[in-house]
Amino acid sequence: MQRDQPTPLLGGISPAAFMQRYWQRKPLLIRQAFANFAPPVKAADIRKLARRDDVESRLIWREDDAWHMENGPFARLPPASQPEWTLLVQGVDLHAQAMADLMQAFRFIPDARLDDAMVSIASDGGGVGPHFDSYDVFLLQAAGKRRWRIGRQKNLSLEPDVPLKILSNFRPEEEFVLEPGDMLYLPPDVAHDGVAQGDGCMTISIGFRAPSRGEFARGMLETAADTLLDQNDERMHRLYRDRGQPAVDAPAAIPDAMIEAALKSLHKVALDKALARRFLGMHLSEPKPGVVFDYPENLDVDLIAQWPQAGILHLDRRTRMLYCGKHVFINGEPVARRASALLRKLANTRLLDCTQLRAKPEERELLQDWLEAGWLHFEQRP
């Protein structure tokens, strides 16, 4: 997608204009973002995922004017004829290639921000109540209809003693009914309430994560500590010495010398861009919890011995690959090789056409390792 080219996905504006005018600023309703849209997954497939213990799912329903929630896996789910229930399944893009393909349309936003695709199916009147999210989200109507009410209210207090984060004083300002192919973008903290109209409602939520400053700080310090230990700096393994420590009358008091020694140890920590790159690269490329890659049983391609003349290498849908400057990160691990043009292309496009590219011996070795780990796949062209 060209960042300066208008696109129906964003209502006829370009990705560059969207990011400048709407991203983290204001909502945008997009009619027919996907014309003639057909759901990438079926409701039956979502129900099957909700039965698995390696998939995060929730069932939400209203009964006797009260909200109820139960976490999966679910052996049984309510019939479609029963009103006012919603099933939410997280990370559907990890389990369905068609959903992973759909998310490629949103890669005008950095991969470092992309989280996952959640799918909700709901019976008539189903929803999760008026609430707000702390992250950006695109709400794509996949099947049926859903009525959305939104508001930019400042009062975000929640109902007490409710298993969901329900706003106690929701004040909607706008209302829309979304049909298949319609999409609503919401920046963080915009109050919203979506209710299914009729049976067969399916909504896809493409969410974007936003680490807090506390997460940044903690992660930076943890990465710094791990780096120091990995470097095996002899000075960092020296034990605290207090030769000359006088006898004390207050044994419970922490000595000032120990406090000073603790502060001096921080002087060895370089809180710089190199550390930030390492932390963010490893943290943001870490696969989702529970992700397990499948080792290929009959791998019949040897990239080291021969670069295939007709074939495509493509990243597994669960693989996360990022780069920053000359540094490359894949599935939570830093890559020893520099971020060559070939590796940057693989990260950006998620595939390599072997007929159009050549790889150096060290790049072939790296790609072969990823093939054998299941992070990368090869498809022979007919």
Protein backbone atom coordinates (compact mmCIF):
# COMPACT_ATOMS: atom_id res chain seq x y z
CA MET A 1 0.00 0.00 0.00
CA GLN A 2 1.32 3.42 -0.98
CA ARG A 3 1.24 5.73 2.03
CA ASP A 4 0.26 8.77 -0.10
CA GLN A 5 -2.33 6.95 -2.24
CA PRO A 6 -6.04 7.32 -1.31
CA THR A 7 -7.63 3.99 -0.42
CA PRO A 8 -11.18 2.73 0.24
CA LEU A 9 -9.81 1.06 3.37
CA LEU A 10 -9.62 4.53 4.97
CA GLY A 11 -12.65 6.10 3.35
CA GLY A 12 -10.87 7.54 0.34
CA ILE A 13 -7.99 9.19 2.17
CA SER A 14 -4.37 8.08 2.14
CA PRO A 15 -2.60 6.28 4.99
CA ALA A 16 -0.41 9.37 5.42
CA ALA A 17 -3.49 11.62 5.80
CA PHE A 18 -5.15 9.16 8.18
CA MET A 19 -2.11 9.02 10.45
CA GLN A 20 -1.88 12.81 10.47
CA ARG A 21 -5.56 13.64 10.97
CA TYR A 22 -7.10 10.70 12.85
CA TRP A 23 -4.55 8.36 14.45
CA GLN A 24 -4.73 8.84 18.23
CA ARG A 25 -6.85 11.96 17.61
CA LYS A 26 -10.45 11.26 16.61
CA PRO A 27 -12.79 8.48 15.42
CA LEU A 28 -13.42 7.73 11.76
CA LEU A 29 -16.40 5.90 10.30
CA ILE A 30 -15.57 4.15 7.00
CA ARG A 31 -18.39 2.80 4.89
CA GLN A 32 -17.39 -0.20 2.77
CA ALA A 33 -13.75 -0.19 3.78
CA PHE A 34 -13.88 -3.70 2.29
CA ALA A 35 -16.38 -3.89 -0.56
CA ASN A 36 -18.33 -7.16 -0.93
CA PHE A 37 -16.69 -8.35 2.27
CA ALA A 38 -16.84 -12.01 3.23
CA PRO A 39 -15.68 -13.08 6.71
CA PRO A 40 -12.17 -14.62 6.66
CA VAL A 41 -13.36 -17.13 9.26
CA LYS A 42 -16.73 -18.71 9.90
CA ALA A 43 -18.69 -18.46 13.15
CA ALA A 44 -18.35 -22.24 13.49
CA ASP A 45 -14.56 -21.87 13.38
CA ILE A 46 -14.69 -19.27 16.16
CA ARG A 47 -16.77 -21.64 18.27
CA LYS A 48 -14.18 -24.38 17.70
CA LEU A 49 -11.35 -22.09 18.78
CA ALA A 50 -13.25 -21.26 21.97
CA ARG A 51 -13.15 -24.95 22.91
CA ARG A 52 -9.34 -25.01 22.92
CA ASP A 53 -7.34 -24.45 26.09
CA ASP A 54 -4.53 -22.73 24.17
CA VAL A 55 -6.86 -19.98 22.93
CA GLU A 56 -8.02 -17.06 25.07
CA SER A 57 -11.80 -16.69 24.98
CA ARG A 58 -14.59 -15.11 27.02
CA LEU A 59 -18.36 -15.49 27.09
CA ILE A 60 -20.38 -12.45 28.19
CA TRP A 61 -24.11 -12.35 28.71
CA ARG A 62 -26.92 -10.45 30.42
CA GLU A 63 -29.28 -12.16 32.83
CA ASP A 64 -31.72 -10.58 35.27
CA ASP A 65 -30.35 -7.11 34.37
CA ALA A 66 -26.86 -8.18 35.49
CA TRP A 67 -23.62 -8.72 33.56
CA HIS A 68 -21.94 -12.12 33.64
CA MET A 69 -18.60 -13.29 32.25
CA GLU A 70 -16.89 -16.67 32.00
CA ASN A 71 -13.44 -17.51 30.63
CA GLY A 72 -12.91 -20.37 28.20
CA PRO A 73 -12.31 -23.02 27.10
CA PHE A 74 -15.99 -23.87 26.60
CA ALA A 75 -17.38 -27.34 26.18
CA ARG A 76 -20.76 -25.87 25.23
CA LEU A 77 -21.89 -22.46 24.03
CA PRO A 78 -25.35 -20.85 23.95
CA PRO A 79 -27.53 -21.44 20.87
CA ALA A 80 -27.80 -18.61 18.36
CA SER A 81 -31.49 -18.27 19.23
CA GLN A 82 -30.69 -17.26 22.82
CA PRO A 83 -30.44 -13.44 22.95
CA GLU A 84 -27.90 -11.11 24.60
CA TRP A 85 -24.71 -13.15 24.61
CA THR A 86 -21.29 -12.47 23.07
CA LEU A 87 -18.31 -14.75 22.53
CA LEU A 88 -14.89 -13.07 22.29
CA VAL A 89 -11.87 -14.96 20.92
CA GLN A 90 -8.40 -13.35 21.02
CA GLY A 91 -5.52 -13.83 18.60
CA VAL A 92 -7.51 -15.39 15.78
CA ASP A 93 -4.75 -14.27 13.38
CA LEU A 94 -2.45 -16.81 15.07
CA HIS A 95 -4.74 -19.68 14.12
CA ALA A 96 -6.29 -18.68 10.77
CA GLN A 97 -4.13 -17.70 7.81
CA ALA A 98 -7.00 -15.79 6.20
CA MET A 99 -7.18 -13.56 9.28
CA ALA A 100 -3.43 -13.04 9.27
CA ASP A 101 -3.70 -12.06 5.60
CA LEU A 102 -6.44 -9.54 6.43
CA MET A 103 -4.19 -7.83 8.97
CA GLN A 104 -1.64 -7.10 6.24
CA ALA A 105 -3.93 -4.29 5.11
CA PHE A 106 -3.09 -2.37 8.30
CA ARG A 107 0.69 -2.44 7.98
CA PHE A 108 0.88 1.27 7.18
CA ILE A 109 1.07 1.38 10.99
CA PRO A 110 4.37 0.08 12.47
CA ASP A 111 4.40 -3.64 13.27
CA ALA A 112 5.81 -2.66 16.66
CA ARG A 113 2.33 -1.36 17.54
CA LEU A 114 0.26 -4.18 16.08
CA ASP A 115 -1.25 -6.53 18.67
CA ASP A 116 -3.79 -9.02 17.35
CA ALA A 117 -7.19 -9.63 15.81
CA MET A 118 -10.06 -10.44 18.16
CA VAL A 119 -13.31 -11.83 16.80
CA SER A 120 -16.66 -11.53 18.51
CA ILE A 121 -19.81 -13.38 17.53
CA ALA A 122 -23.06 -12.34 19.16
CA SER A 123 -26.74 -13.13 19.23
CA ASP A 124 -29.41 -10.44 18.99
CA GLY A 125 -28.78 -7.77 21.64
CA GLY A 126 -25.35 -9.14 22.51
CA GLY A 127 -22.55 -6.81 23.54
CA VAL A 128 -20.02 -6.11 26.27
CA GLY A 129 -21.57 -2.90 27.57
CA PRO A 130 -20.39 0.71 27.32
CA HIS A 131 -16.64 0.85 27.91
CA PHE A 132 -13.40 2.37 26.70
CA ASP A 133 -10.09 0.90 25.58
CA SER A 134 -6.60 2.18 26.32
CA TYR A 135 -5.44 1.30 22.80
CA ASP A 136 -6.27 2.10 19.16
CA VAL A 137 -8.70 -0.27 17.45
CA PHE A 138 -10.34 -0.81 14.06
CA LEU A 139 -13.79 -2.38 14.42
CA LEU A 140 -14.60 -4.20 11.18
CA GLN A 141 -18.09 -5.59 10.73
CA ALA A 142 -17.70 -9.04 9.21
CA ALA A 143 -21.28 -10.38 9.23
CA GLY A 144 -24.69 -9.22 10.40
CA LYS A 145 -25.24 -5.77 11.89
CA ARG A 146 -24.01 -3.98 14.97
CA ARG A 147 -25.15 -0.63 16.34
CA TRP A 148 -22.34 1.48 17.76
CA ARG A 149 -22.72 4.49 20.04
CA ILE A 150 -19.62 6.52 20.84
CA GLY A 151 -18.72 9.57 22.93
CA ARG A 152 -15.66 11.59 23.91
CA GLN A 153 -16.68 11.93 27.57
CA LYS A 154 -14.12 12.77 30.25
CA ASN A 155 -15.86 10.88 33.05
CA LEU A 156 -14.51 7.33 32.68
CA SER A 157 -15.56 5.99 36.09
CA LEU A 158 -16.67 2.36 36.14
CA GLU A 159 -19.57 0.43 37.62
CA PRO A 160 -18.56 -1.24 40.90
CA ASP A 161 -18.84 -4.99 41.50
CA VAL A 162 -19.18 -5.89 37.82
CA PRO A 163 -16.97 -8.54 36.13
CA LEU A 164 -16.51 -6.19 33.16
CA LYS A 165 -15.20 -2.63 32.88
CA ILE A 166 -18.60 -0.99 32.34
CA LEU A 167 -18.86 2.80 32.30
CA SER A 168 -21.16 4.05 35.03
CA ASN A 169 -22.19 7.23 33.22
CA PHE A 170 -22.08 6.59 29.47
CA ARG A 171 -23.03 9.63 27.39
CA PRO A 172 -23.10 8.78 23.65
CA GLU A 173 -22.72 11.59 21.14
CA GLU A 174 -22.91 9.67 17.83
CA GLU A 175 -24.59 6.50 16.64
CA PHE A 176 -23.87 4.23 13.64
CA VAL A 177 -25.13 0.91 12.36
CA LEU A 178 -22.34 -1.07 10.70
CA GLU A 179 -22.96 -3.67 8.01
CA PRO A 180 -20.48 -6.14 6.47
CA GLY A 181 -17.44 -4.29 5.12
CA ASP A 182 -18.04 -1.16 7.22
CA MET A 183 -15.36 -0.19 9.72
CA LEU A 184 -15.01 2.19 12.67
CA TYR A 185 -11.64 3.45 13.92
CA LEU A 186 -11.46 4.51 17.58
CA PRO A 187 -8.45 6.11 19.27
CA PRO A 188 -7.75 5.36 22.96
CA ASP A 189 -10.22 6.37 25.66
CA VAL A 190 -13.20 6.95 23.36
CA ALA A 191 -16.26 5.56 25.12
CA HIS A 192 -18.22 3.12 22.97
CA ASP A 193 -20.98 0.54 23.12
CA GLY A 194 -21.71 -2.01 20.40
CA VAL A 195 -24.91 -4.05 20.33
CA ALA A 196 -25.73 -6.79 17.82
CA GLN A 197 -28.85 -6.22 15.77
CA GLY A 198 -30.30 -9.58 14.84
CA ASP A 199 -28.55 -12.94 14.74
CA GLY A 200 -25.31 -13.79 13.00
CA CYS A 201 -23.34 -10.75 14.12
CA MET A 202 -19.55 -11.00 13.76
CA THR A 203 -17.11 -8.16 14.45
CA ILE A 204 -13.33 -8.20 13.95
CA SER A 205 -11.30 -5.96 16.24
CA ILE A 206 -7.79 -5.15 15.00
CA GLY A 207 -6.03 -3.85 18.10
CA PHE A 208 -2.77 -2.00 18.63
CA ARG A 209 -0.76 -2.28 21.83
CA ALA A 210 0.66 0.70 23.67
CA PRO A 211 3.22 -0.05 26.42
CA SER A 212 3.10 2.23 29.44
CA ARG A 213 6.08 4.29 30.55
CA GLY A 214 6.39 1.95 33.51
CA GLU A 215 6.70 -1.02 31.14
CA PHE A 216 9.34 0.84 29.16
CA ALA A 217 11.34 1.68 32.29
CA ARG A 218 11.09 -1.80 33.81
CA GLY A 219 11.95 -3.47 30.52
CA MET A 220 14.94 -1.21 29.93
CA LEU A 221 16.35 -1.94 33.39
CA GLU A 222 15.73 -5.70 33.09
CA THR A 223 17.42 -5.76 29.70
CA ALA A 224 20.35 -3.76 31.09
CA ALA A 225 20.75 -6.22 33.97
CA ASP A 226 20.60 -9.22 31.62
CA THR A 227 23.11 -7.60 29.29
CA LEU A 228 25.55 -6.96 32.11
CA LEU A 229 25.34 -10.56 33.27
CA ASP A 230 25.66 -11.88 29.71
CA GLN A 231 28.81 -9.84 29.23
CA ASN A 232 30.24 -11.61 32.29
CA ASP A 233 31.88 -8.40 33.52
CA GLU A 234 34.04 -9.51 36.45
CA ARG A 235 33.44 -6.21 38.22
CA MET A 236 29.69 -6.82 38.33
CA HIS A 237 30.24 -10.13 40.14
CA ARG A 238 32.36 -8.66 42.90
CA LEU A 239 30.80 -9.00 46.33
CA TYR A 240 30.07 -6.03 48.54
CA ARG A 241 32.96 -5.32 50.92
CA ASP A 242 32.74 -3.30 54.12
CA ARG A 243 36.21 -3.52 55.61
CA GLY A 244 36.40 -0.83 58.29
CA GLN A 245 32.70 -1.09 59.16
CA PRO A 246 32.49 0.06 62.82
CA ALA A 247 30.46 -1.70 65.47
CA VAL A 248 26.91 -0.35 65.64
CA ASP A 249 24.31 0.34 68.29
CA ALA A 250 21.42 0.17 65.78
CA PRO A 251 21.85 -3.13 63.91
CA ALA A 252 18.57 -2.75 61.96
CA ALA A 253 19.75 0.41 60.18
CA ILE A 254 21.02 -0.07 56.60
CA PRO A 255 24.57 1.31 56.40
CA ASP A 256 25.09 4.40 54.25
CA ALA A 257 28.09 2.70 52.64
CA MET A 258 25.84 -0.08 51.31
CA ILE A 259 23.45 2.50 49.84
CA GLU A 260 26.36 4.25 48.12
CA ALA A 261 27.64 0.93 46.77
CA ALA A 262 24.21 0.18 45.32
CA LEU A 263 24.11 3.57 43.58
CA LYS A 264 27.63 3.17 42.19
CA SER A 265 26.67 -0.15 40.62
CA LEU A 266 24.21 1.73 38.41
CA HIS A 267 27.09 3.66 36.86
CA LYS A 268 27.87 0.50 34.89
CA VAL A 269 24.44 0.61 33.26
CA ALA A 270 24.38 2.53 29.98
CA LEU A 271 20.82 3.76 29.50
CA ASP A 272 21.31 4.72 25.87
CA LYS A 273 19.80 4.15 22.42
CA ALA A 274 21.63 0.85 22.03
CA LEU A 275 19.91 -0.50 25.14
CA ALA A 276 16.52 0.87 24.00
CA ARG A 277 16.92 -0.81 20.62
CA ARG A 278 17.80 -4.13 22.23
CA PHE A 279 14.91 -4.00 24.69
CA LEU A 280 12.28 -2.90 22.19
CA GLY A 281 13.48 -5.28 19.49
CA MET A 282 13.38 -8.29 21.79
CA HIS A 283 10.21 -7.31 23.66
CA LEU A 284 8.09 -6.27 20.68
CA SER A 285 9.12 -9.25 18.54
CA GLU A 286 8.31 -11.72 21.32
CA PRO A 287 5.58 -14.13 20.11
CA LYS A 288 2.24 -14.16 21.83
CA PRO A 289 2.00 -16.31 24.99
CA GLY A 290 1.26 -19.92 24.16
CA VAL A 291 2.64 -19.75 20.63
CA VAL A 292 4.45 -22.96 19.65
CA PHE A 293 6.10 -23.30 16.26
CA ASP A 294 5.81 -26.56 14.35
CA TYR A 295 9.06 -28.14 13.24
CA PRO A 296 8.80 -29.28 9.61
CA GLU A 297 8.70 -33.07 9.39
CA ASN A 298 9.99 -33.47 5.84
CA LEU A 299 12.05 -30.41 5.02
CA ASP A 300 13.41 -31.08 1.55
CA VAL A 301 15.06 -27.73 0.84
CA ASP A 302 18.66 -26.88 1.68
CA LEU A 303 19.24 -23.16 1.26
CA ILE A 304 22.89 -23.48 2.28
CA ALA A 305 23.77 -25.90 -0.51
CA GLN A 306 21.58 -24.37 -3.19
CA TRP A 307 19.47 -21.24 -3.52
CA PRO A 308 16.18 -22.45 -5.09
CA GLN A 309 15.41 -21.10 -8.54
CA ALA A 310 11.64 -21.24 -8.27
CA GLY A 311 10.11 -20.71 -4.88
CA ILE A 312 9.05 -18.29 -2.18
CA LEU A 313 10.19 -17.99 1.42
CA HIS A 314 7.58 -16.52 3.74
CA LEU A 315 7.43 -15.90 7.46
CA ASP A 316 5.08 -18.02 9.53
CA ARG A 317 1.96 -16.05 10.48
CA ARG A 318 2.98 -16.27 14.14
CA THR A 319 6.52 -14.97 13.54
CA ARG A 320 7.30 -11.42 14.57
CA MET A 321 10.28 -9.80 12.86
CA LEU A 322 11.51 -6.24 13.42
CA TYR A 323 14.65 -4.25 12.73
CA CYS A 324 16.17 -0.98 13.88
CA GLY A 325 19.15 0.42 12.03
CA LYS A 326 21.58 -2.46 11.56
CA HIS A 327 19.96 -4.64 14.22
CA VAL A 328 17.45 -7.42 13.48
CA PHE A 329 15.12 -9.18 15.92
CA ILE A 330 12.92 -12.22 15.34
CA ASN A 331 10.62 -13.96 17.81
CA GLY A 332 12.21 -12.26 20.80
CA GLU A 333 15.81 -12.97 19.80
CA PRO A 334 18.49 -10.60 18.49
CA VAL A 335 20.10 -11.71 15.23
CA ALA A 336 23.87 -11.67 15.10
CA ARG A 337 23.85 -10.68 11.42
CA ARG A 338 23.48 -7.08 10.33
CA ALA A 339 20.16 -5.93 8.95
CA SER A 340 21.07 -6.46 5.31
CA ALA A 341 18.77 -5.34 2.51
CA LEU A 342 17.58 -8.95 2.20
CA LEU A 343 16.61 -9.24 5.88
CA ARG A 344 14.93 -5.83 5.88
CA LYS A 345 12.91 -6.87 2.84
CA LEU A 346 11.84 -10.09 4.55
CA ALA A 347 10.74 -8.15 7.64
CA ASN A 348 8.80 -5.55 5.63
CA THR A 349 7.15 -7.79 3.04
CA ARG A 350 7.22 -11.05 5.05
CA LEU A 351 8.29 -12.98 1.97
CA LEU A 352 11.22 -13.39 -0.41
CA ASP A 353 10.87 -14.38 -4.06
CA CYS A 354 13.90 -16.57 -4.64
CA THR A 355 13.71 -16.09 -8.41
CA GLN A 356 14.34 -12.36 -8.03
CA LEU A 357 16.80 -12.28 -5.14
CA ARG A 358 20.14 -13.75 -4.18
CA ALA A 359 21.38 -14.44 -0.68
CA LYS A 360 24.89 -14.42 0.70
CA PRO A 361 26.18 -17.64 2.34
CA GLU A 362 25.71 -16.25 5.85
CA GLU A 363 22.15 -15.17 5.00
CA ARG A 364 21.37 -18.61 3.61
CA GLU A 365 22.57 -20.19 6.84
CA LEU A 366 20.36 -17.91 8.88
CA LEU A 367 17.29 -18.54 6.73
CA GLN A 368 17.92 -22.30 6.88
CA ASP A 369 17.94 -22.14 10.68
CA TRP A 370 14.59 -20.33 10.62
CA LEU A 371 13.16 -22.90 8.21
CA GLU A 372 14.15 -25.72 10.53
CA ALA A 373 12.66 -23.88 13.52
CA GLY A 374 9.32 -23.40 11.75
CA TRP A 375 9.66 -19.61 11.78
CA LEU A 376 9.92 -19.53 8.00
CA HIS A 377 8.39 -21.66 5.25
CA PHE A 378 9.28 -22.48 1.66
CA GLU A 379 6.78 -22.92 -1.15
CA GLN A 380 7.92 -24.40 -4.45
CA ARG A 381 6.45 -22.77 -7.51
CA PRO A 382 4.95 -25.16 -10.09
